[in-house]
């Protein structure tokens, strides 16, 4: 059965059809004999877009999670032996299925998260970009690489990359399609199997991913979705995986890092951020304001790399504030499966409460609201206006903590040096944006302590440059995604070296003392001539 037969091409604004939901759920527990599907414990899913129930999924515990790992471990050797070229063909087919099912994917992402259509489109394009890139690059990157041997001519050395085994993935609710599979794609291509835990607020998208992979030809047990609480399922993943990929809060990342470190298991994480933007006096404001609005409000601000603080040269501060406020006010808010709205809903009542608390705390401390600053229940239960705050005092939590909503504050600075100091003055270092004349921006960018720096763009330029690694400094993350690094982190490098002729410690017919003189002279000559560099 395919999704085209199970549901219409476009989902209407009605609860997810039970037949469709049942079809999705069937992919969650393939091979999990320990799961009682007759009377499972349920997780009810509410759609922030519909403001009513979307459906339900079975909730698993530690036993079912461990069963998923046993199944994944059993099929991993065969998956590896299939070869990277055949694995790449499956991922390439998955890429094609993402394209052909893009409207359905965007519908489901919107239904689960409440985000605007453009945000759902970003997820589809990101996954397609990842699948295309790694399907094309993995056969080259995983090919045995000839390396310089210990002794020229006589030592033949190659570097191989073996899979880790079973990769555990824990992904958040804010980008359920993109983060539900993009990190797993290189893991799968490297020959690993994957056990993936989506956030319990957005499980249907991950089940859709599992189905599309199955249609693409991925064997059973190679990618398995387990849905349950972080404390139970997340802990079981950390206790059973051979490598852990996590995207989420810094606090949770630290807990998981401690758990896997006790087993000496590798760990990659993209964590929190309080991402800064610098607007220099030579920035072109006519073209910058639209891009800056997107950088702050994309996905309703629920994005790890979105901008939450802006440092503006005092010479243009007043004009900039007025222009950005006008742009924020012009954004159309609403929830529908169409392209009419620029800003969607927050994901839940809890997220709305968090945003309200941050803004209220800042106002109590003396901050001034330039625009926004209140919820919009007339549009839906979890809508909040795009908000700009000024004069935020040091005592406000919002000054240093991640809000994860459509809220940004602006501060004037005397010069770009002060702006750089302010941008770096945090425990985070995920993303930074600089709006300035290119000559100015390229001088400032190397001074920023962040894993990505975007010039005259908020975050998309760096994120979409998939051939280059991206991640966080300081408490914003460990390791990197994208590029060759995003593939190699899922592998164990193995050096295979063959010695020919005679051993490096010398031929049998020459004494050790004589050989040591020959060797030292050769090393000295090699350094002088550059042959051994």
Protein backbone atom coordinates (compact mmCIF):
# COMPACT_ATOMS: atom_id res chain seq x y z
CA UNK A 1 0.00 0.00 0.00
CA UNK A 2 1.25 3.48 -0.81
CA UNK A 3 0.26 6.76 0.73
CA UNK A 4 -1.28 7.89 -2.51
CA UNK A 5 -3.81 5.07 -2.12
CA UNK A 6 -4.23 5.42 1.63
CA UNK A 7 -5.07 9.13 1.70
CA UNK A 8 -5.89 11.95 -0.70
CA UNK A 9 -3.01 14.00 -2.07
CA UNK A 10 -4.08 16.91 0.15
CA UNK A 11 -5.33 16.41 3.69
CA UNK A 12 -8.33 18.56 4.49
CA UNK A 13 -8.59 20.57 7.70
CA UNK A 14 -10.12 17.64 9.54
CA UNK A 15 -8.68 15.16 12.06
CA UNK A 16 -6.16 12.81 10.52
CA UNK A 17 -8.24 9.97 9.01
CA UNK A 18 -8.14 6.99 11.33
CA UNK A 19 -7.34 4.62 8.46
CA UNK A 20 -4.33 6.78 7.57
CA UNK A 21 -3.24 6.99 11.21
CA UNK A 22 -3.58 3.22 11.54
CA UNK A 23 -1.52 2.76 8.40
CA UNK A 24 1.22 5.00 9.81
CA UNK A 25 1.23 3.25 13.18
CA UNK A 26 1.82 -0.11 11.51
CA UNK A 27 5.34 0.99 10.60
CA UNK A 28 6.32 1.86 14.16
CA UNK A 29 6.68 -1.66 15.45
CA UNK A 30 7.78 -3.84 12.56
CA UNK A 31 9.65 -6.73 14.16
CA UNK A 32 8.78 -5.71 17.73
CA UNK A 33 7.30 -8.95 19.00
CA UNK A 34 7.23 -7.57 22.54
CA UNK A 35 4.69 -4.85 21.69
CA UNK A 36 1.06 -5.73 22.31
CA UNK A 37 -0.72 -3.91 19.49
CA UNK A 38 -4.10 -5.20 20.66
CA UNK A 39 -4.15 -2.95 23.73
CA UNK A 40 -1.19 -0.58 23.66
CA UNK A 41 -0.72 2.37 25.96
CA UNK A 42 -1.64 5.38 23.85
CA UNK A 43 -0.24 8.84 23.26
CA UNK A 44 -2.92 11.19 22.00
CA UNK A 45 -1.65 13.75 19.52
CA UNK A 46 -3.21 17.19 19.27
CA UNK A 47 -2.83 19.37 16.20
CA UNK A 48 -1.97 22.99 17.03
CA UNK A 49 -3.22 23.85 13.56
CA UNK A 50 -6.60 22.18 14.01
CA UNK A 51 -6.87 22.86 17.74
CA UNK A 52 -8.29 19.37 18.13
CA UNK A 53 -7.05 15.76 18.33
CA UNK A 54 -5.02 14.57 15.35
CA UNK A 55 -4.80 10.90 16.25
CA UNK A 56 -2.93 8.56 18.56
CA UNK A 57 0.17 6.38 18.57
CA UNK A 58 1.18 3.46 20.76
CA UNK A 59 3.59 4.31 23.56
CA UNK A 60 6.50 1.91 24.02
CA UNK A 61 8.75 1.35 26.98
CA UNK A 62 12.29 0.18 27.62
CA UNK A 63 11.60 -3.45 26.64
CA UNK A 64 10.28 -2.57 23.20
CA UNK A 65 13.16 -0.16 22.66
CA UNK A 66 15.66 -2.87 23.53
CA UNK A 67 13.84 -5.21 21.13
CA UNK A 68 14.24 -2.62 18.40
CA UNK A 69 17.98 -2.53 19.05
CA UNK A 70 18.23 -6.32 18.93
CA UNK A 71 16.46 -6.35 15.58
CA UNK A 72 18.61 -3.51 14.25
CA UNK A 73 21.79 -5.21 15.43
CA UNK A 74 20.77 -8.47 13.78
CA UNK A 75 20.31 -6.92 10.33
CA UNK A 76 23.21 -4.44 10.48
CA UNK A 77 25.93 -6.78 9.12
CA UNK A 78 23.80 -7.65 6.09
CA UNK A 79 22.98 -3.98 5.51
CA UNK A 80 26.69 -3.16 5.61
CA UNK A 81 27.57 -6.01 3.27
CA UNK A 82 25.07 -4.69 0.74
CA UNK A 83 27.68 -2.09 -0.20
CA UNK A 84 27.58 1.68 -0.24
CA UNK A 85 26.56 1.96 -3.91
CA UNK A 86 23.41 -0.10 -3.37
CA UNK A 87 22.66 1.78 -0.16
CA UNK A 88 23.04 5.04 -2.08
CA UNK A 89 20.51 3.87 -4.68
CA UNK A 90 17.94 3.36 -1.91
CA UNK A 91 18.56 6.83 -0.49
CA UNK A 92 18.36 8.29 -3.99
CA UNK A 93 14.98 6.59 -4.41
CA UNK A 94 13.92 8.03 -1.06
CA UNK A 95 14.91 11.47 -2.40
CA UNK A 96 12.57 10.96 -5.36
CA UNK A 97 9.73 9.87 -3.08
CA UNK A 98 10.18 13.00 -0.97
CA UNK A 99 9.71 15.08 -4.10
CA UNK A 100 6.67 13.17 -5.33
CA UNK A 101 5.03 13.25 -1.89
CA UNK A 102 6.05 16.79 -0.95
CA UNK A 103 2.49 18.15 -0.64
CA UNK A 104 1.48 15.33 1.69
CA UNK A 105 4.66 15.77 3.76
CA UNK A 106 4.09 19.51 4.12
CA UNK A 107 0.46 18.92 5.12
CA UNK A 108 1.43 16.47 7.84
CA UNK A 109 4.26 18.64 9.16
CA UNK A 110 1.89 21.61 9.39
CA UNK A 111 -0.78 19.52 11.10
CA UNK A 112 1.67 18.27 13.74
CA UNK A 113 3.58 21.49 14.40
CA UNK A 114 1.26 24.35 13.45
CA UNK A 115 4.01 26.02 11.42
CA UNK A 116 3.45 28.09 8.29
CA UNK A 117 3.65 26.44 4.87
CA UNK A 118 7.03 28.00 4.14
CA UNK A 119 8.49 26.33 7.22
CA UNK A 120 7.17 22.94 6.12
CA UNK A 121 8.62 23.55 2.65
CA UNK A 122 12.01 24.25 4.26
CA UNK A 123 11.91 20.80 5.80
CA UNK A 124 11.16 19.05 2.53
CA UNK A 125 13.93 20.87 0.67
CA UNK A 126 16.42 20.23 3.49
CA UNK A 127 15.77 16.49 3.45
CA UNK A 128 15.95 16.35 -0.33
CA UNK A 129 19.21 18.30 -0.23
CA UNK A 130 20.71 15.92 2.35
CA UNK A 131 19.58 12.80 0.49
CA UNK A 132 20.90 14.06 -2.84
CA UNK A 133 24.24 15.18 -1.41
CA UNK A 134 25.05 12.10 0.64
CA UNK A 135 23.75 9.61 -1.92
CA UNK A 136 26.19 11.19 -4.37
CA UNK A 137 29.13 11.70 -2.03
CA UNK A 138 29.06 8.62 0.22
CA UNK A 139 30.46 6.17 -2.37
CA UNK A 140 33.41 8.52 -2.88
CA UNK A 141 33.96 9.37 0.79
CA UNK A 142 33.74 5.74 1.94
CA UNK A 143 36.08 4.42 -0.73
CA UNK A 144 39.35 3.14 0.83
CA UNK A 145 41.80 6.06 0.81
CA UNK A 146 45.47 5.62 0.00
CA UNK A 147 47.65 7.26 2.68
CA UNK A 148 51.36 7.97 2.99
CA UNK A 149 53.08 4.92 4.42
CA UNK A 150 55.60 4.74 7.21
CA UNK A 151 58.38 4.18 4.68
CA UNK A 152 58.17 5.42 1.07
CA UNK A 153 57.54 2.64 -1.46
CA UNK A 154 57.97 -0.12 1.14
CA UNK A 155 54.84 0.66 3.22
CA UNK A 156 51.43 0.47 1.56
CA UNK A 157 48.72 2.13 3.69
CA UNK A 158 44.96 2.53 3.21
CA UNK A 159 42.29 4.09 5.40
CA UNK A 160 38.94 2.31 5.67
CA UNK A 161 35.75 3.54 7.35
CA UNK A 162 33.68 0.89 9.13
CA UNK A 163 30.16 1.56 10.48
CA UNK A 164 29.67 2.11 14.21
CA UNK A 165 26.85 -0.44 14.36
CA UNK A 166 23.45 0.76 15.59
CA UNK A 167 22.98 4.52 15.79
CA UNK A 168 20.47 5.93 18.24
CA UNK A 169 18.75 9.14 17.19
CA UNK A 170 16.69 11.44 19.40
CA UNK A 171 15.06 14.31 17.51
CA UNK A 172 12.87 17.27 18.59
CA UNK A 173 9.41 18.50 17.60
CA UNK A 174 10.34 21.75 15.86
CA UNK A 175 11.56 20.15 12.59
CA UNK A 176 10.08 16.64 12.68
CA UNK A 177 10.73 15.78 9.03
CA UNK A 178 14.12 17.41 8.59
CA UNK A 179 15.61 16.35 11.92
CA UNK A 180 13.76 13.04 11.82
CA UNK A 181 15.81 11.75 8.87
CA UNK A 182 18.54 14.18 7.69
CA UNK A 183 21.02 13.06 10.37
CA UNK A 184 20.11 9.41 9.83
CA UNK A 185 20.80 9.50 6.08
CA UNK A 186 24.63 9.58 6.39
CA UNK A 187 24.43 7.05 9.22
CA UNK A 188 22.52 4.64 6.99
CA UNK A 189 24.83 5.22 4.03
CA UNK A 190 27.84 4.46 6.24
CA UNK A 191 26.38 1.00 6.87
CA UNK A 192 24.75 1.58 10.25
CA UNK A 193 21.22 0.76 11.24
CA UNK A 194 19.19 3.38 13.12
CA UNK A 195 16.73 3.36 16.01
CA UNK A 196 15.00 6.74 16.04
CA UNK A 197 12.94 8.39 18.77
CA UNK A 198 10.89 11.39 17.62
CA UNK A 199 9.34 13.81 20.06
CA UNK A 200 5.99 12.52 21.31
CA UNK A 201 4.28 15.68 20.02
CA UNK A 202 5.20 14.94 16.40
CA UNK A 203 5.37 11.16 15.84
CA UNK A 204 3.32 10.82 12.64
CA UNK A 205 5.94 12.58 10.54
CA UNK A 206 8.58 10.08 11.65
CA UNK A 207 6.27 7.21 10.80
CA UNK A 208 5.78 8.73 7.37
CA UNK A 209 9.58 8.80 7.02
CA UNK A 210 9.75 5.10 7.91
CA UNK A 211 7.14 4.32 5.28
CA UNK A 212 8.87 6.28 2.52
CA UNK A 213 12.16 4.55 3.32
CA UNK A 214 10.40 1.19 3.15
CA UNK A 215 8.91 2.04 -0.25
CA UNK A 216 12.39 3.12 -1.39
CA UNK A 217 13.66 -0.38 -0.63
CA UNK A 218 15.13 -0.08 2.87
CA UNK A 219 15.03 -3.53 4.49
CA UNK A 220 13.01 -4.12 7.65
CA UNK A 221 14.81 -3.29 10.88
CA UNK A 222 17.32 -0.90 9.30
CA UNK A 223 15.39 2.21 10.38
CA UNK A 224 13.01 1.75 13.30
CA UNK A 225 10.85 4.36 15.03
CA UNK A 226 10.20 4.05 18.77
CA UNK A 227 7.77 6.46 20.44
CA UNK A 228 7.70 7.09 24.16
CA UNK A 229 8.91 9.29 26.97
CA UNK A 230 12.39 10.75 26.97
CA UNK A 231 13.13 9.44 30.44
CA UNK A 232 12.31 5.85 29.46
CA UNK A 233 12.86 5.46 25.71
CA UNK A 234 15.59 8.11 25.50
CA UNK A 235 17.48 6.45 28.35
CA UNK A 236 17.12 3.01 26.73
CA UNK A 237 18.54 4.42 23.48
CA UNK A 238 21.51 5.92 25.31
CA UNK A 239 22.12 2.58 27.05
CA UNK A 240 21.99 0.45 23.88
CA UNK A 241 23.32 2.52 20.95
CA UNK A 242 26.80 2.37 19.45
CA UNK A 243 26.62 6.10 18.66
CA UNK A 244 24.10 8.73 19.70
CA UNK A 245 22.80 11.62 17.60
CA UNK A 246 20.78 14.14 19.61
CA UNK A 247 19.16 17.45 18.77
CA UNK A 248 17.56 19.38 21.61
CA UNK A 249 18.23 21.40 24.71
CA UNK A 250 21.66 21.84 26.26
CA UNK A 251 20.37 20.54 29.61
CA UNK A 252 19.12 17.26 28.10
CA UNK A 253 22.25 16.99 25.95
CA UNK A 254 24.44 17.07 29.04
CA UNK A 255 22.44 14.26 30.66
CA UNK A 256 22.65 12.07 27.55
CA UNK A 257 26.36 12.82 27.10
CA UNK A 258 27.03 11.61 30.62
CA UNK A 259 25.04 8.43 30.00
CA UNK A 260 26.83 7.44 26.79
CA UNK A 261 30.26 8.51 28.07
CA UNK A 262 30.08 5.86 30.78
CA UNK A 263 30.02 3.29 27.97
CA UNK A 264 32.69 5.12 25.92
CA UNK A 265 30.16 5.58 23.12
CA UNK A 266 30.43 8.43 20.61
CA UNK A 267 28.03 11.37 20.80
CA UNK A 268 26.98 14.14 18.44
CA UNK A 269 24.62 16.91 19.46
CA UNK A 270 23.18 20.17 18.25
CA UNK A 271 22.03 21.97 21.37
CA UNK A 272 20.68 25.36 22.41
CA UNK A 273 21.60 28.78 21.14
CA UNK A 274 21.07 32.48 21.81
CA UNK A 275 22.00 33.52 18.33
CA UNK A 276 23.19 37.08 17.73
CA UNK A 277 23.01 39.37 14.72
CA UNK A 278 25.29 42.33 14.04
CA UNK A 279 24.01 45.20 11.88
CA UNK A 280 26.87 47.53 10.94
CA UNK A 281 26.50 51.15 9.88
CA UNK A 282 27.28 50.25 6.26
CA UNK A 283 24.52 47.62 6.03
CA UNK A 284 22.06 48.08 3.17
CA UNK A 285 18.83 48.34 5.17
CA UNK A 286 16.51 48.34 2.17
CA UNK A 287 17.47 44.74 1.37
CA UNK A 288 18.36 43.64 4.91
CA UNK A 289 15.04 44.07 6.73
CA UNK A 290 13.20 41.32 4.81
CA UNK A 291 16.04 38.85 5.37
CA UNK A 292 16.30 39.80 9.04
CA UNK A 293 12.56 39.31 9.54
CA UNK A 294 12.89 35.78 8.15
CA UNK A 295 15.92 35.13 10.35
CA UNK A 296 13.91 35.99 13.46
CA UNK A 297 10.44 34.63 12.65
CA UNK A 298 10.99 31.53 10.52
CA UNK A 299 9.18 28.58 12.09
CA UNK A 300 7.67 31.09 14.56
CA UNK A 301 11.13 31.46 16.09
CA UNK A 302 11.19 27.79 17.13
CA UNK A 303 14.50 27.12 15.46
CA UNK A 304 17.89 26.44 17.03
CA UNK A 305 19.71 28.74 14.59
CA UNK A 306 17.17 31.60 14.45
CA UNK A 307 18.13 35.09 15.66
CA UNK A 308 17.09 36.23 19.14
CA UNK A 309 19.34 39.26 19.77
CA UNK A 310 20.41 42.07 17.45
CA UNK A 311 23.27 44.54 17.98
CA UNK A 312 22.94 47.61 15.80
CA UNK A 313 25.40 50.47 15.23
CA UNK A 314 24.07 53.46 17.15
CA UNK A 315 24.21 55.66 14.02
CA UNK A 316 21.42 53.64 12.36
CA UNK A 317 19.72 52.25 15.48
CA UNK A 318 16.56 54.37 15.38
CA UNK A 319 15.94 53.87 11.67
CA UNK A 320 16.61 50.15 11.90
CA UNK A 321 14.20 49.68 14.81
CA UNK A 322 11.42 51.48 12.96
CA UNK A 323 11.91 49.50 9.76
CA UNK A 324 12.09 46.13 11.47
CA UNK A 325 9.02 46.90 13.58
CA UNK A 326 7.08 47.77 10.43
CA UNK A 327 8.19 44.51 8.85
CA UNK A 328 7.17 42.49 11.92
CA UNK A 329 3.74 44.13 11.97
CA UNK A 330 3.25 43.34 8.28
CA UNK A 331 3.65 39.60 8.80
CA UNK A 332 0.43 37.68 8.32
CA UNK A 333 -0.36 35.22 11.09
CA UNK A 334 -2.63 32.24 10.65
CA UNK A 335 -3.02 28.50 10.41
CA UNK A 336 -3.96 26.83 7.14
CA UNK A 337 -2.55 24.34 4.65
CA UNK A 338 -1.67 27.08 2.21
CA UNK A 339 0.93 29.76 1.49
CA UNK A 340 -1.06 32.79 2.67
CA UNK A 341 0.53 33.15 6.11
CA UNK A 342 4.13 33.99 7.00
CA UNK A 343 3.97 33.12 10.72
CA UNK A 344 2.25 30.05 12.14
CA UNK A 345 1.34 28.80 15.56
CA UNK A 346 3.59 27.81 18.42
CA UNK A 347 3.59 24.07 18.91
CA UNK A 348 1.87 23.75 22.28
CA UNK A 349 0.41 25.40 25.35
CA UNK A 350 3.70 24.83 27.14
CA UNK A 351 5.67 26.66 24.47
CA UNK A 352 3.21 29.57 24.52
CA UNK A 353 3.51 29.77 28.29
CA UNK A 354 7.31 29.85 28.02
CA UNK A 355 7.25 32.73 25.54
CA UNK A 356 4.76 34.68 27.66
CA UNK A 357 6.88 34.21 30.78
CA UNK A 358 10.05 35.47 29.07
CA UNK A 359 8.33 38.61 27.76
CA UNK A 360 6.55 39.29 31.08
CA UNK A 361 9.81 38.92 33.01
CA UNK A 362 11.59 41.34 30.66
CA UNK A 363 8.79 43.89 30.96
CA UNK A 364 8.82 43.67 34.77
CA UNK A 365 12.57 44.32 34.68
CA UNK A 366 12.02 47.46 32.61
CA UNK A 367 12.16 46.36 28.96
CA UNK A 368 10.02 48.19 26.44
CA UNK A 369 7.84 46.47 23.84
CA UNK A 370 8.32 48.06 20.43
CA UNK A 371 5.80 45.79 18.71
CA UNK A 372 3.87 42.63 19.54
CA UNK A 373 4.17 41.29 23.04
CA UNK A 374 0.92 39.39 23.41
CA UNK A 375 -0.83 36.16 22.39
CA UNK A 376 -3.45 36.01 19.66
CA UNK A 377 -6.19 33.62 20.80
CA UNK A 378 -8.43 35.00 18.06
CA UNK A 379 -6.23 33.14 15.56
CA UNK A 380 -5.71 29.96 17.55
CA UNK A 381 -4.81 28.69 21.00
CA UNK A 382 -1.02 28.95 20.58
CA UNK A 383 -0.48 32.02 18.42
CA UNK A 384 1.81 34.81 19.62
CA UNK A 385 2.57 38.09 17.91
CA UNK A 386 6.02 38.75 16.41
CA UNK A 387 7.68 40.74 19.16
CA UNK A 388 10.53 43.23 19.42
CA UNK A 389 11.83 44.39 22.81
CA UNK A 390 14.10 47.35 23.51
CA UNK A 391 16.06 48.48 26.58
CA UNK A 392 16.25 44.94 27.98
CA UNK A 393 18.12 45.12 31.32
CA UNK A 394 20.79 42.70 32.49
CA UNK A 395 18.44 41.17 35.05
CA UNK A 396 15.99 39.88 32.41
CA UNK A 397 16.19 36.16 31.60
CA UNK A 398 15.47 36.95 27.97
CA UNK A 399 18.82 38.71 27.65
CA UNK A 400 20.80 35.48 27.97
CA UNK A 401 18.40 32.50 27.80
CA UNK A 402 16.89 30.94 24.69
CA UNK A 403 13.23 31.89 24.21
CA UNK A 404 12.48 29.66 21.21
CA UNK A 405 9.65 31.84 19.99
CA UNK A 406 8.90 34.90 17.81
CA UNK A 407 10.70 37.26 20.16
CA UNK A 408 13.87 39.32 19.56
CA UNK A 409 15.53 42.23 21.32
CA UNK A 410 17.61 45.03 19.82
CA UNK A 411 20.51 46.84 21.47
CA UNK A 412 22.57 49.79 20.16
CA UNK A 413 26.37 49.49 20.12
CA UNK A 414 29.03 52.15 19.65
CA UNK A 415 30.98 50.22 17.00
CA UNK A 416 31.52 46.80 15.47
CA UNK A 417 34.12 45.85 18.07
CA UNK A 418 31.52 46.26 20.81
CA UNK A 419 29.08 44.28 18.69
CA UNK A 420 31.50 41.36 18.35
CA UNK A 421 32.19 41.39 22.09
CA UNK A 422 28.46 41.34 22.84
CA UNK A 423 27.81 38.59 20.29
CA UNK A 424 30.51 36.40 21.85
CA UNK A 425 29.48 37.17 25.43
CA UNK A 426 27.42 34.04 26.00
CA UNK A 427 27.79 30.38 26.88
CA UNK A 428 26.34 29.51 23.46
CA UNK A 429 27.90 29.55 20.01
CA UNK A 430 25.60 28.02 17.42
CA UNK A 431 24.90 30.62 14.74
CA UNK A 432 25.60 34.29 14.08
CA UNK A 433 24.50 36.70 11.37
CA UNK A 434 26.25 39.83 10.11
CA UNK A 435 24.58 42.47 7.95
CA UNK A 436 27.20 44.83 6.59
CA UNK A 437 29.12 45.70 3.46
CA UNK A 438 30.93 42.49 2.40
CA UNK A 439 34.37 43.99 3.14
CA UNK A 440 33.29 44.79 6.70
CA UNK A 441 31.50 41.49 7.26
CA UNK A 442 34.39 39.28 6.09
CA UNK A 443 36.68 41.00 8.58
CA UNK A 444 34.24 40.44 11.44
CA UNK A 445 33.16 36.86 10.68
CA UNK A 446 36.40 35.09 11.71
CA UNK A 447 36.17 36.82 15.12
CA UNK A 448 32.78 35.29 15.94
CA UNK A 449 32.69 32.29 18.28
CA UNK A 450 30.02 30.23 16.53
CA UNK A 451 29.76 27.15 14.35
CA UNK A 452 28.24 29.12 11.48
CA UNK A 453 28.42 32.80 10.52
CA UNK A 454 26.09 34.09 7.80
CA UNK A 455 26.85 37.30 5.93
CA UNK A 456 23.80 39.27 4.80
CA UNK A 457 21.61 36.29 5.59
CA UNK A 458 20.12 34.93 8.80
CA UNK A 459 20.96 31.23 8.77
CA UNK A 460 19.87 29.68 5.48
CA UNK A 461 23.10 30.35 3.55
CA UNK A 462 25.20 28.40 6.03
CA UNK A 463 22.61 25.68 6.65
CA UNK A 464 22.06 25.04 2.95
CA UNK A 465 25.82 24.85 2.23
CA UNK A 466 25.63 21.15 2.92
CA UNK A 467 29.17 20.38 1.76
CA UNK A 468 30.47 22.31 4.80
CA UNK A 469 30.08 21.10 8.41
CA UNK A 470 27.77 22.94 10.78
CA UNK A 471 27.38 22.75 14.55
CA UNK A 472 28.00 24.58 17.79
CA UNK A 473 30.78 26.08 19.88
CA UNK A 474 30.73 25.94 23.68
CA UNK A 475 27.39 24.73 25.10
CA UNK A 476 25.71 24.74 21.68
CA UNK A 477 26.90 21.34 20.65
CA UNK A 478 29.38 18.56 20.10
CA UNK A 479 30.63 17.31 16.71
CA UNK A 480 29.10 18.44 13.40
CA UNK A 481 26.44 17.59 10.85
CA UNK A 482 26.74 18.09 7.07
CA UNK A 483 29.80 17.66 4.87
CA UNK A 484 32.27 14.81 5.09
CA UNK A 485 32.40 15.24 8.89
CA UNK A 486 28.67 14.53 9.05
CA UNK A 487 29.29 11.12 7.47
CA UNK A 488 32.60 10.16 9.06
CA UNK A 489 31.31 10.68 12.62
CA UNK A 490 29.20 7.54 12.09
CA UNK A 491 32.26 5.46 11.20
CA UNK A 492 35.27 3.87 12.86
CA UNK A 493 38.42 4.79 10.88
CA UNK A 494 40.64 1.76 10.35
CA UNK A 495 44.19 1.87 9.04
CA UNK A 496 45.42 -1.13 7.06
CA UNK A 497 49.16 -1.09 6.36
CA UNK A 498 51.33 -3.61 4.53
CA UNK A 499 55.11 -3.63 4.90
CA UNK A 500 57.06 -4.89 1.87
CA UNK A 501 60.74 -5.65 1.18
CA UNK A 502 62.11 -5.37 4.70
CA UNK A 503 60.68 -4.08 8.02
CA UNK A 504 60.88 -0.47 9.13
CA UNK A 505 63.33 -1.48 11.89
CA UNK A 506 65.82 -2.42 9.20
CA UNK A 507 66.99 -5.21 6.87
CA UNK A 508 68.41 -8.38 8.33
CA UNK A 509 71.84 -7.86 6.74
CA UNK A 510 72.41 -4.47 8.43
CA UNK A 511 73.14 -3.93 12.12
CA UNK A 512 70.71 -1.90 14.18
CA UNK A 513 73.36 0.76 14.80
CA UNK A 514 74.12 1.13 11.10
CA UNK A 515 70.45 1.18 10.23
CA UNK A 516 69.76 3.91 12.78
CA UNK A 517 72.34 6.15 11.04
CA UNK A 518 70.76 5.48 7.65
CA UNK A 519 67.32 6.18 9.03
CA UNK A 520 68.30 9.45 10.72
CA UNK A 521 70.04 10.69 7.58
CA UNK A 522 66.98 9.80 5.51
CA UNK A 523 64.67 11.63 7.90
CA UNK A 524 66.91 14.70 7.87
CA UNK A 525 67.12 14.69 4.08
CA UNK A 526 63.37 14.17 3.81
CA UNK A 527 62.70 17.22 5.95
CA UNK A 528 65.11 19.41 3.97
CA UNK A 529 63.71 18.35 0.62
CA UNK A 530 60.10 18.37 1.77
CA UNK A 531 59.53 14.75 0.77
CA UNK A 532 58.47 13.75 4.30
CA UNK A 533 56.24 16.71 5.07
